[in-house]
PDB file of all heavy atoms in Angstrom:
ATOM      1  N   THR A   1     -20.306 -24.932 -50.137  1.00  0.00           N
ATOM      2  CA  THR A   1     -20.050 -26.167 -49.376  1.00  0.00           C
ATOM      3  C   THR A   1     -21.381 -27.008 -49.262  1.00  0.00           C
ATOM      4  O   THR A   1     -22.523 -26.486 -49.550  1.00  0.00           O
ATOM      5  CB  THR A   1     -19.595 -25.843 -47.922  1.00  0.00           C
ATOM      6  OG1 THR A   1     -20.646 -25.190 -47.281  1.00  0.00           O
ATOM      7  CG2 THR A   1     -18.372 -24.846 -47.966  1.00  0.00           C
ATOM      8  N   ASP A   2     -21.249 -28.213 -48.816  1.00  0.00           N
ATOM      9  CA  ASP A   2     -22.318 -29.068 -48.632  1.00  0.00           C
ATOM     10  C   ASP A   2     -23.332 -28.533 -47.643  1.00  0.00           C
ATOM     11  O   ASP A   2     -24.442 -28.889 -47.554  1.00  0.00           O
ATOM     12  CB  ASP A   2     -21.832 -30.489 -48.148  1.00  0.00           C
ATOM     13  CG  ASP A   2     -21.075 -31.210 -49.272  1.00  0.00           C
ATOM     14  OD1 ASP A   2     -21.254 -30.805 -50.431  1.00  0.00           O
ATOM     15  OD2 ASP A   2     -20.347 -32.143 -48.871  1.00  0.00           O
ATOM     16  N   GLU A   3     -22.968 -27.562 -46.851  1.00  0.00           N
ATOM     17  CA  GLU A   3     -23.864 -26.957 -45.842  1.00  0.00           C
ATOM     18  C   GLU A   3     -24.917 -26.159 -46.461  1.00  0.00           C
ATOM     19  O   GLU A   3     -25.884 -25.758 -45.757  1.00  0.00           O
ATOM     20  CB  GLU A   3     -23.028 -26.144 -44.841  1.00  0.00           C
ATOM     21  CG  GLU A   3     -22.109 -26.940 -44.049  1.00  0.00           C
ATOM     22  CD  GLU A   3     -21.252 -26.053 -43.070  1.00  0.00           C
ATOM     23  OE1 GLU A   3     -21.369 -24.906 -43.251  1.00  0.00           O
ATOM     24  OE2 GLU A   3     -20.665 -26.649 -42.153  1.00  0.00           O
ATOM     25  N   THR A   4     -24.766 -25.740 -47.722  1.00  0.00           N
ATOM     26  CA  THR A   4     -25.783 -24.913 -48.340  1.00  0.00           C
ATOM     27  C   THR A   4     -26.583 -25.654 -49.421  1.00  0.00           C
ATOM     28  O   THR A   4     -27.131 -25.111 -50.341  1.00  0.00           O
ATOM     29  CB  THR A   4     -25.084 -23.723 -49.047  1.00  0.00           C
ATOM     30  OG1 THR A   4     -24.137 -24.218 -50.006  1.00  0.00           O
ATOM     31  CG2 THR A   4     -24.329 -22.864 -48.075  1.00  0.00           C
ATOM     32  N   VAL A   5     -26.710 -27.031 -49.288  1.00  0.00           N
ATOM     33  CA  VAL A   5     -27.489 -27.853 -50.230  1.00  0.00           C
ATOM     34  C   VAL A   5     -29.034 -27.447 -49.999  1.00  0.00           C
ATOM     35  O   VAL A   5     -29.432 -27.369 -48.746  1.00  0.00           O
ATOM     36  CB  VAL A   5     -27.316 -29.269 -50.053  1.00  0.00           C
ATOM     37  CG1 VAL A   5     -28.298 -30.090 -50.929  1.00  0.00           C
ATOM     38  CG2 VAL A   5     -25.862 -29.697 -50.323  1.00  0.00           C
ATOM     39  N   LEU A   6     -29.774 -27.219 -50.989  1.00  0.00           N
ATOM     40  CA  LEU A   6     -31.118 -26.819 -50.779  1.00  0.00           C
ATOM     41  C   LEU A   6     -32.103 -27.991 -50.680  1.00  0.00           C
ATOM     42  O   LEU A   6     -31.919 -29.121 -51.291  1.00  0.00           O
ATOM     43  CB  LEU A   6     -31.640 -25.939 -52.060  1.00  0.00           C
ATOM     44  CG  LEU A   6     -30.840 -24.744 -52.302  1.00  0.00           C
ATOM     45  CD1 LEU A   6     -31.407 -24.084 -53.524  1.00  0.00           C
ATOM     46  CD2 LEU A   6     -30.876 -23.781 -51.065  1.00  0.00           C
ATOM     47  N   THR A   7     -33.061 -27.909 -49.857  1.00  0.00           N
ATOM     48  CA  THR A   7     -34.166 -28.787 -49.718  1.00  0.00           C
ATOM     49  C   THR A   7     -35.108 -28.769 -50.808  1.00  0.00           C
ATOM     50  O   THR A   7     -35.080 -27.719 -51.571  1.00  0.00           O
ATOM     51  CB  THR A   7     -34.810 -28.781 -48.370  1.00  0.00           C
ATOM     52  OG1 THR A   7     -35.513 -27.519 -48.236  1.00  0.00           O
ATOM     53  CG2 THR A   7     -33.752 -28.724 -47.222  1.00  0.00           C
ATOM     54  N   SER A   8     -36.088 -29.682 -50.909  1.00  0.00           N
ATOM     55  CA  SER A   8     -37.097 -29.623 -51.956  1.00  0.00           C
ATOM     56  C   SER A   8     -38.028 -28.434 -51.734  1.00  0.00           C
ATOM     57  O   SER A   8     -38.632 -27.925 -52.729  1.00  0.00           O
ATOM     58  CB  SER A   8     -37.944 -30.850 -51.872  1.00  0.00           C
ATOM     59  OG  SER A   8     -38.633 -30.980 -50.661  1.00  0.00           O
ATOM     60  N   ARG A   9     -37.976 -27.764 -50.586  1.00  0.00           N
ATOM     61  CA  ARG A   9     -38.815 -26.547 -50.349  1.00  0.00           C
ATOM     62  C   ARG A   9     -38.005 -25.305 -50.563  1.00  0.00           C
ATOM     63  O   ARG A   9     -38.521 -24.226 -50.262  1.00  0.00           O
ATOM     64  CB  ARG A   9     -39.387 -26.617 -48.916  1.00  0.00           C
ATOM     65  CG  ARG A   9     -40.413 -27.733 -48.624  1.00  0.00           C
ATOM     66  CD  ARG A   9     -40.887 -27.698 -47.232  1.00  0.00           C
ATOM     67  NE  ARG A   9     -41.836 -28.720 -46.998  1.00  0.00           N
ATOM     68  CZ  ARG A   9     -42.466 -28.895 -45.831  1.00  0.00           C
ATOM     69  NH1 ARG A   9     -42.331 -28.140 -44.890  1.00  0.00           N
ATOM     70  NH2 ARG A   9     -43.317 -29.975 -45.675  1.00  0.00           N
ATOM     71  N   GLY A  10     -36.800 -25.431 -51.130  1.00  0.00           N
ATOM     72  CA  GLY A  10     -35.996 -24.287 -51.362  1.00  0.00           C
ATOM     73  C   GLY A  10     -35.295 -23.627 -50.198  1.00  0.00           C
ATOM     74  O   GLY A  10     -34.872 -22.508 -50.190  1.00  0.00           O
ATOM     75  N   GLN A  11     -35.212 -24.378 -49.030  1.00  0.00           N
ATOM     76  CA  GLN A  11     -34.605 -23.813 -47.886  1.00  0.00           C
ATOM     77  C   GLN A  11     -33.246 -24.513 -47.582  1.00  0.00           C
ATOM     78  O   GLN A  11     -33.168 -25.642 -47.930  1.00  0.00           O
ATOM     79  CB  GLN A  11     -35.495 -23.922 -46.644  1.00  0.00           C
ATOM     80  CG  GLN A  11     -36.861 -23.224 -46.768  1.00  0.00           C
ATOM     81  CD  GLN A  11     -37.717 -23.495 -45.624  1.00  0.00           C
ATOM     82  OE1 GLN A  11     -37.599 -24.506 -45.042  1.00  0.00           O
ATOM     83  NE2 GLN A  11     -38.578 -22.542 -45.422  1.00  0.00           N
ATOM     84  N   ASP A  12     -32.308 -23.793 -47.054  1.00  0.00           N
ATOM     85  CA  ASP A  12     -30.976 -24.359 -46.772  1.00  0.00           C
ATOM     86  C   ASP A  12     -31.137 -25.322 -45.680  1.00  0.00           C
ATOM     87  O   ASP A  12     -31.776 -25.096 -44.586  1.00  0.00           O
ATOM     88  CB  ASP A  12     -29.949 -23.326 -46.450  1.00  0.00           C
ATOM     89  CG  ASP A  12     -29.645 -22.569 -47.702  1.00  0.00           C
ATOM     90  OD1 ASP A  12     -29.925 -22.959 -48.741  1.00  0.00           O
ATOM     91  OD2 ASP A  12     -29.001 -21.508 -47.500  1.00  0.00           O
ATOM     92  N   LEU A  13     -30.377 -26.457 -45.746  1.00  0.00           N
ATOM     93  CA  LEU A  13     -30.500 -27.489 -44.652  1.00  0.00           C
ATOM     94  C   LEU A  13     -29.832 -27.013 -43.339  1.00  0.00           C
ATOM     95  O   LEU A  13     -30.403 -27.103 -42.294  1.00  0.00           O
ATOM     96  CB  LEU A  13     -29.641 -28.708 -45.065  1.00  0.00           C
ATOM     97  CG  LEU A  13     -30.379 -29.536 -46.279  1.00  0.00           C
ATOM     98  CD1 LEU A  13     -29.459 -30.657 -46.706  1.00  0.00           C
ATOM     99  CD2 LEU A  13     -31.743 -30.100 -45.784  1.00  0.00           C
ATOM    100  N   ASP A  14     -28.638 -26.279 -43.440  1.00  0.00           N
ATOM    101  CA  ASP A  14     -27.940 -25.895 -42.308  1.00  0.00           C
ATOM    102  C   ASP A  14     -27.659 -24.420 -42.248  1.00  0.00           C
ATOM    103  O   ASP A  14     -26.644 -23.960 -41.732  1.00  0.00           O
ATOM    104  CB  ASP A  14     -26.566 -26.666 -42.173  1.00  0.00           C
ATOM    105  CG  ASP A  14     -26.895 -28.151 -41.942  1.00  0.00           C
ATOM    106  OD1 ASP A  14     -27.745 -28.401 -41.187  1.00  0.00           O
ATOM    107  OD2 ASP A  14     -26.129 -28.961 -42.637  1.00  0.00           O
ATOM    108  N   ARG A  15     -28.477 -23.599 -42.978  1.00  0.00           N
ATOM    109  CA  ARG A  15     -28.307 -22.240 -43.074  1.00  0.00           C
ATOM    110  C   ARG A  15     -28.193 -21.525 -41.621  1.00  0.00           C
ATOM    111  O   ARG A  15     -27.606 -20.551 -41.376  1.00  0.00           O
ATOM    112  CB  ARG A  15     -29.256 -21.546 -43.935  1.00  0.00           C
ATOM    113  CG  ARG A  15     -29.154 -20.091 -44.009  1.00  0.00           C
ATOM    114  CD  ARG A  15     -29.742 -19.411 -45.296  1.00  0.00           C
ATOM    115  NE  ARG A  15     -28.814 -19.795 -46.391  1.00  0.00           N
ATOM    116  CZ  ARG A  15     -29.004 -19.212 -47.569  1.00  0.00           C
ATOM    117  NH1 ARG A  15     -29.893 -18.256 -47.777  1.00  0.00           N
ATOM    118  NH2 ARG A  15     -28.143 -19.482 -48.575  1.00  0.00           N
ATOM    119  N   HIS A  16     -29.031 -22.102 -40.662  1.00  0.00           N
ATOM    120  CA  HIS A  16     -29.158 -21.468 -39.372  1.00  0.00           C
ATOM    121  C   HIS A  16     -27.800 -21.586 -38.644  1.00  0.00           C
ATOM    122  O   HIS A  16     -27.618 -20.966 -37.683  1.00  0.00           O
ATOM    123  CB  HIS A  16     -30.253 -22.174 -38.628  1.00  0.00           C
ATOM    124  CG  HIS A  16     -30.011 -23.673 -38.272  1.00  0.00           C
ATOM    125  ND1 HIS A  16     -30.195 -24.597 -39.269  1.00  0.00           N
ATOM    126  CD2 HIS A  16     -29.437 -24.291 -37.239  1.00  0.00           C
ATOM    127  CE1 HIS A  16     -29.868 -25.779 -38.725  1.00  0.00           C
ATOM    128  NE2 HIS A  16     -29.453 -25.633 -37.562  1.00  0.00           N
ATOM    129  N   GLU A  17     -26.858 -22.491 -39.145  1.00  0.00           N
ATOM    130  CA  GLU A  17     -25.519 -22.624 -38.537  1.00  0.00           C
ATOM    131  C   GLU A  17     -24.592 -21.704 -39.109  1.00  0.00           C
ATOM    132  O   GLU A  17     -23.438 -21.672 -38.715  1.00  0.00           O
ATOM    133  CB  GLU A  17     -25.101 -24.042 -38.668  1.00  0.00           C
ATOM    134  CG  GLU A  17     -25.999 -25.037 -37.874  1.00  0.00           C
ATOM    135  CD  GLU A  17     -25.467 -26.411 -38.044  1.00  0.00           C
ATOM    136  OE1 GLU A  17     -24.392 -26.653 -38.776  1.00  0.00           O
ATOM    137  OE2 GLU A  17     -26.092 -27.418 -37.599  1.00  0.00           O
ATOM    138  N   GLN A  18     -24.935 -20.925 -40.103  1.00  0.00           N
ATOM    139  CA  GLN A  18     -23.945 -19.947 -40.815  1.00  0.00           C
ATOM    140  C   GLN A  18     -24.311 -18.615 -40.376  1.00  0.00           C
ATOM    141  O   GLN A  18     -25.352 -18.143 -40.055  1.00  0.00           O
ATOM    142  CB  GLN A  18     -24.176 -20.097 -42.261  1.00  0.00           C
ATOM    143  CG  GLN A  18     -23.782 -21.465 -42.941  1.00  0.00           C
ATOM    144  CD  GLN A  18     -24.000 -21.452 -44.436  1.00  0.00           C
ATOM    145  OE1 GLN A  18     -25.107 -21.445 -44.937  1.00  0.00           O
ATOM    146  NE2 GLN A  18     -22.939 -21.517 -45.116  1.00  0.00           N
ATOM    147  N   THR A  19     -23.180 -17.830 -40.367  1.00  0.00           N
ATOM    148  CA  THR A  19     -23.332 -16.361 -40.063  1.00  0.00           C
ATOM    149  C   THR A  19     -23.834 -15.616 -41.258  1.00  0.00           C
ATOM    150  O   THR A  19     -23.682 -16.183 -42.384  1.00  0.00           O
ATOM    151  CB  THR A  19     -22.049 -15.821 -39.664  1.00  0.00           C
ATOM    152  OG1 THR A  19     -21.077 -15.778 -40.693  1.00  0.00           O
ATOM    153  CG2 THR A  19     -21.388 -16.578 -38.398  1.00  0.00           C
ATOM    154  N   PRO A  20     -24.430 -14.435 -41.141  1.00  0.00           N
ATOM    155  CA  PRO A  20     -24.854 -13.709 -42.279  1.00  0.00           C
ATOM    156  C   PRO A  20     -23.775 -13.481 -43.268  1.00  0.00           C
ATOM    157  O   PRO A  20     -23.870 -13.483 -44.435  1.00  0.00           O
ATOM    158  CB  PRO A  20     -25.456 -12.398 -41.733  1.00  0.00           C
ATOM    159  CG  PRO A  20     -25.890 -12.860 -40.352  1.00  0.00           C
ATOM    160  CD  PRO A  20     -24.900 -13.849 -39.816  1.00  0.00           C
ATOM    161  N   GLU A  21     -22.491 -13.281 -42.709  1.00  0.00           N
ATOM    162  CA  GLU A  21     -21.383 -13.019 -43.589  1.00  0.00           C
ATOM    163  C   GLU A  21     -21.019 -14.157 -44.442  1.00  0.00           C
ATOM    164  O   GLU A  21     -20.721 -14.038 -45.613  1.00  0.00           O
ATOM    165  CB  GLU A  21     -20.150 -12.523 -42.823  1.00  0.00           C
ATOM    166  CG  GLU A  21     -20.217 -11.127 -42.242  1.00  0.00           C
ATOM    167  CD  GLU A  21     -21.058 -11.098 -40.868  1.00  0.00           C
ATOM    168  OE1 GLU A  21     -21.507 -12.181 -40.464  1.00  0.00           O
ATOM    169  OE2 GLU A  21     -21.214 -10.018 -40.398  1.00  0.00           O
ATOM    170  N   GLU A  22     -21.126 -15.413 -43.838  1.00  0.00           N
ATOM    171  CA  GLU A  22     -20.772 -16.584 -44.543  1.00  0.00           C
ATOM    172  C   GLU A  22     -21.877 -16.801 -45.671  1.00  0.00           C
ATOM    173  O   GLU A  22     -21.472 -17.253 -46.794  1.00  0.00           O
ATOM    174  CB  GLU A  22     -20.853 -17.781 -43.589  1.00  0.00           C
ATOM    175  CG  GLU A  22     -19.531 -17.831 -42.626  1.00  0.00           C
ATOM    176  CD  GLU A  22     -19.717 -18.905 -41.574  1.00  0.00           C
ATOM    177  OE1 GLU A  22     -20.841 -19.298 -41.254  1.00  0.00           O
ATOM    178  OE2 GLU A  22     -18.652 -19.360 -41.235  1.00  0.00           O
ATOM    179  N   ILE A  23     -23.119 -16.594 -45.365  1.00  0.00           N
ATOM    180  CA  ILE A  23     -24.123 -16.728 -46.331  1.00  0.00           C
ATOM    181  C   ILE A  23     -23.885 -15.784 -47.429  1.00  0.00           C
ATOM    182  O   ILE A  23     -24.040 -16.167 -48.656  1.00  0.00           O
ATOM    183  CB  ILE A  23     -25.552 -16.498 -45.663  1.00  0.00           C
ATOM    184  CG1 ILE A  23     -25.837 -17.636 -44.692  1.00  0.00           C
ATOM    185  CG2 ILE A  23     -26.600 -16.524 -46.725  1.00  0.00           C
ATOM    186  CD1 ILE A  23     -27.135 -17.373 -43.880  1.00  0.00           C
ATOM    187  N   LEU A  24     -23.602 -14.564 -47.188  1.00  0.00           N
ATOM    188  CA  LEU A  24     -23.411 -13.529 -48.216  1.00  0.00           C
ATOM    189  C   LEU A  24     -22.210 -13.830 -49.128  1.00  0.00           C
ATOM    190  O   LEU A  24     -22.276 -13.833 -50.287  1.00  0.00           O
ATOM    191  CB  LEU A  24     -23.146 -12.130 -47.591  1.00  0.00           C
ATOM    192  CG  LEU A  24     -22.952 -11.028 -48.484  1.00  0.00           C
ATOM    193  CD1 LEU A  24     -24.208 -10.823 -49.282  1.00  0.00           C
ATOM    194  CD2 LEU A  24     -22.601  -9.661 -47.696  1.00  0.00           C
ATOM    195  N   GLU A  25     -21.070 -14.410 -48.511  1.00  0.00           N
ATOM    196  CA  GLU A  25     -19.903 -14.729 -49.281  1.00  0.00           C
ATOM    197  C   GLU A  25     -20.147 -15.930 -50.173  1.00  0.00           C
ATOM    198  O   GLU A  25     -19.702 -15.968 -51.298  1.00  0.00           O
ATOM    199  CB  GLU A  25     -18.650 -14.897 -48.346  1.00  0.00           C
ATOM    200  CG  GLU A  25     -18.163 -13.572 -47.682  1.00  0.00           C
ATOM    201  CD  GLU A  25     -16.934 -13.790 -47.027  1.00  0.00           C
ATOM    202  OE1 GLU A  25     -16.306 -14.907 -47.148  1.00  0.00           O
ATOM    203  OE2 GLU A  25     -16.442 -12.862 -46.261  1.00  0.00           O
ATOM    204  N   ALA A  26     -20.861 -16.902 -49.558  1.00  0.00           N
ATOM    205  CA  ALA A  26     -21.144 -18.067 -50.358  1.00  0.00           C
ATOM    206  C   ALA A  26     -22.132 -17.725 -51.580  1.00  0.00           C
ATOM    207  O   ALA A  26     -21.924 -18.289 -52.644  1.00  0.00           O
ATOM    208  CB  ALA A  26     -21.826 -19.149 -49.450  1.00  0.00           C
ATOM    209  N   SER A  27     -23.037 -16.844 -51.329  1.00  0.00           N
ATOM    210  CA  SER A  27     -23.985 -16.413 -52.404  1.00  0.00           C
ATOM    211  C   SER A  27     -23.125 -15.689 -53.553  1.00  0.00           C
ATOM    212  O   SER A  27     -23.454 -15.910 -54.723  1.00  0.00           O
ATOM    213  CB  SER A  27     -25.068 -15.592 -51.842  1.00  0.00           C
ATOM    214  OG  SER A  27     -25.898 -16.262 -50.874  1.00  0.00           O
ATOM    215  N   TYR A  28     -22.216 -14.837 -53.041  1.00  0.00           N
ATOM    216  CA  TYR A  28     -21.435 -14.084 -53.972  1.00  0.00           C
ATOM    217  C   TYR A  28     -20.592 -15.072 -54.822  1.00  0.00           C
ATOM    218  O   TYR A  28     -20.567 -14.858 -56.118  1.00  0.00           O
ATOM    219  CB  TYR A  28     -20.516 -13.089 -53.348  1.00  0.00           C
ATOM    220  CG  TYR A  28     -19.476 -12.406 -54.172  1.00  0.00           C
ATOM    221  CD1 TYR A  28     -19.984 -11.365 -55.019  1.00  0.00           C
ATOM    222  CD2 TYR A  28     -18.220 -12.789 -54.287  1.00  0.00           C
ATOM    223  CE1 TYR A  28     -19.035 -10.785 -55.831  1.00  0.00           C
ATOM    224  CE2 TYR A  28     -17.298 -12.251 -55.055  1.00  0.00           C
ATOM    225  CZ  TYR A  28     -17.720 -11.144 -55.888  1.00  0.00           C
ATOM    226  OH  TYR A  28     -16.818 -10.525 -56.784  1.00  0.00           O
ATOM    227  N   SER A  29     -20.008 -16.065 -54.269  1.00  0.00           N
ATOM    228  CA  SER A  29     -19.215 -17.045 -54.979  1.00  0.00           C
ATOM    229  C   SER A  29     -20.098 -17.747 -55.954  1.00  0.00           C
ATOM    230  O   SER A  29     -19.767 -18.055 -57.095  1.00  0.00           O
ATOM    231  CB  SER A  29     -18.639 -18.018 -54.027  1.00  0.00           C
ATOM    232  OG  SER A  29     -17.728 -17.364 -53.183  1.00  0.00           O
ATOM    233  N   ASP A  30     -21.377 -18.122 -55.582  1.00  0.00           N
ATOM    234  CA  ASP A  30     -22.269 -18.794 -56.579  1.00  0.00           C
ATOM    235  C   ASP A  30     -22.538 -17.886 -57.703  1.00  0.00           C
ATOM    236  O   ASP A  30     -22.531 -18.397 -58.911  1.00  0.00           O
ATOM    237  CB  ASP A  30     -23.621 -19.074 -55.821  1.00  0.00           C
ATOM    238  CG  ASP A  30     -23.446 -20.174 -54.814  1.00  0.00           C
ATOM    239  OD1 ASP A  30     -22.449 -20.937 -54.917  1.00  0.00           O
ATOM    240  OD2 ASP A  30     -24.388 -20.395 -54.006  1.00  0.00           O
ATOM    241  N   LEU A  31     -22.810 -16.705 -57.522  1.00  0.00           N
ATOM    242  CA  LEU A  31     -23.116 -15.751 -58.616  1.00  0.00           C
ATOM    243  C   LEU A  31     -21.963 -15.547 -59.527  1.00  0.00           C
ATOM    244  O   LEU A  31     -22.073 -15.547 -60.716  1.00  0.00           O
ATOM    245  CB  LEU A  31     -23.529 -14.353 -58.053  1.00  0.00           C
ATOM    246  CG  LEU A  31     -24.883 -14.303 -57.293  1.00  0.00           C
ATOM    247  CD1 LEU A  31     -25.040 -13.033 -56.530  1.00  0.00           C
ATOM    248  CD2 LEU A  31     -26.026 -14.475 -58.278  1.00  0.00           C
ATOM    249  N   ARG A  32     -20.708 -15.481 -58.982  1.00  0.00           N
ATOM    250  CA  ARG A  32     -19.558 -15.237 -59.706  1.00  0.00           C
ATOM    251  C   ARG A  32     -19.226 -16.485 -60.595  1.00  0.00           C
ATOM    252  O   ARG A  32     -18.862 -16.342 -61.778  1.00  0.00           O
ATOM    253  CB  ARG A  32     -18.360 -14.856 -58.827  1.00  0.00           C
ATOM    254  CG  ARG A  32     -17.019 -14.504 -59.590  1.00  0.00           C
ATOM    255  CD  ARG A  32     -15.969 -14.228 -58.557  1.00  0.00           C
ATOM    256  NE  ARG A  32     -14.797 -14.016 -59.340  1.00  0.00           N
ATOM    257  CZ  ARG A  32     -14.243 -12.815 -59.707  1.00  0.00           C
ATOM    258  NH1 ARG A  32     -14.939 -11.661 -59.306  1.00  0.00           N
ATOM    259  NH2 ARG A  32     -13.005 -12.711 -60.369  1.00  0.00           N
ATOM    260  N   ARG A  33     -19.318 -17.646 -59.976  1.00  0.00           N
ATOM    261  CA  ARG A  33     -19.038 -18.893 -60.776  1.00  0.00           C
ATOM    262  C   ARG A  33     -19.944 -19.084 -61.933  1.00  0.00           C
ATOM    263  O   ARG A  33     -19.617 -19.429 -63.012  1.00  0.00           O
ATOM    264  CB  ARG A  33     -18.999 -20.051 -59.783  1.00  0.00           C
ATOM    265  CG  ARG A  33     -18.822 -21.393 -60.524  1.00  0.00           C
ATOM    266  CD  ARG A  33     -17.428 -21.483 -61.013  1.00  0.00           C
ATOM    267  NE  ARG A  33     -17.164 -22.708 -61.786  1.00  0.00           N
ATOM    268  CZ  ARG A  33     -16.837 -23.815 -61.124  1.00  0.00           C
ATOM    269  NH1 ARG A  33     -16.559 -23.851 -59.831  1.00  0.00           N
ATOM    270  NH2 ARG A  33     -16.672 -24.948 -61.832  1.00  0.00           N
ATOM    271  N   ALA A  34     -21.326 -18.827 -61.659  1.00  0.00           N
ATOM    272  CA  ALA A  34     -22.248 -18.913 -62.700  1.00  0.00           C
ATOM    273  C   ALA A  34     -21.954 -17.963 -63.836  1.00  0.00           C
ATOM    274  O   ALA A  34     -22.171 -18.270 -65.036  1.00  0.00           O
ATOM    275  CB  ALA A  34     -23.736 -18.814 -62.085  1.00  0.00           C
ATOM    276  N   LEU A  35     -21.628 -16.701 -63.463  1.00  0.00           N
ATOM    277  CA  LEU A  35     -21.345 -15.739 -64.510  1.00  0.00           C
ATOM    278  C   LEU A  35     -20.110 -16.134 -65.332  1.00  0.00           C
ATOM    279  O   LEU A  35     -20.077 -15.963 -66.442  1.00  0.00           O
ATOM    280  CB  LEU A  35     -21.057 -14.320 -63.797  1.00  0.00           C
ATOM    281  CG  LEU A  35     -20.611 -13.216 -64.698  1.00  0.00           C
ATOM    282  CD1 LEU A  35     -21.600 -13.050 -65.830  1.00  0.00           C
ATOM    283  CD2 LEU A  35     -20.414 -11.879 -63.945  1.00  0.00           C
ATOM    284  N   ALA A  36     -19.044 -16.656 -64.617  1.00  0.00           N
ATOM    285  CA  ALA A  36     -17.852 -17.063 -65.350  1.00  0.00           C
ATOM    286  C   ALA A  36     -18.106 -18.197 -66.358  1.00  0.00           C
ATOM    287  O   ALA A  36     -17.635 -18.183 -67.477  1.00  0.00           O
ATOM    288  CB  ALA A  36     -16.750 -17.552 -64.340  1.00  0.00           C
ATOM    289  N   ASP A  37     -18.937 -19.159 -65.937  1.00  0.00           N
ATOM    290  CA  ASP A  37     -19.321 -20.248 -66.839  1.00  0.00           C
ATOM    291  C   ASP A  37     -20.120 -19.708 -68.037  1.00  0.00           C
ATOM    292  O   ASP A  37     -19.858 -20.111 -69.133  1.00  0.00           O
ATOM    293  CB  ASP A  37     -20.175 -21.181 -65.997  1.00  0.00           C
ATOM    294  CG  ASP A  37     -19.289 -22.114 -65.095  1.00  0.00           C
ATOM    295  OD1 ASP A  37     -18.094 -22.031 -65.182  1.00  0.00           O
ATOM    296  OD2 ASP A  37     -19.916 -22.815 -64.221  1.00  0.00           O
ATOM    297  N   GLU A  38     -21.013 -18.712 -67.828  1.00  0.00           N
ATOM    298  CA  GLU A  38     -21.720 -18.175 -68.894  1.00  0.00           C
ATOM    299  C   GLU A  38     -20.820 -17.475 -69.846  1.00  0.00           C
ATOM    300  O   GLU A  38     -21.091 -17.537 -71.051  1.00  0.00           O
ATOM    301  CB  GLU A  38     -22.849 -17.286 -68.419  1.00  0.00           C
ATOM    302  CG  GLU A  38     -23.652 -16.624 -69.399  1.00  0.00           C
ATOM    303  CD  GLU A  38     -24.767 -15.664 -68.938  1.00  0.00           C
ATOM    304  OE1 GLU A  38     -24.840 -15.531 -67.698  1.00  0.00           O
ATOM    305  OE2 GLU A  38     -25.416 -15.093 -69.735  1.00  0.00           O
ATOM    306  N   LEU A  39     -19.852 -16.692 -69.359  1.00  0.00           N
ATOM    307  CA  LEU A  39     -18.949 -15.924 -70.243  1.00  0.00           C
ATOM    308  C   LEU A  39     -18.234 -16.923 -71.073  1.00  0.00           C
ATOM    309  O   LEU A  39     -17.995 -16.651 -72.196  1.00  0.00           O
ATOM    310  CB  LEU A  39     -18.009 -15.127 -69.368  1.00  0.00           C
ATOM    311  CG  LEU A  39     -18.578 -13.957 -68.607  1.00  0.00           C
ATOM    312  CD1 LEU A  39     -17.516 -13.361 -67.774  1.00  0.00           C
ATOM    313  CD2 LEU A  39     -19.180 -12.905 -69.561  1.00  0.00           C
TER     314      LEU A  39
END
């Protein structure tokens, strides 16, 4: 989501508003989508 856009320093803009589970699931989705595109 837009809540995980990275700043120029490589930190999430609103990551402090997300739970660890949300961060973990969003990261898993990122990894899976990137892998699917590569395949």
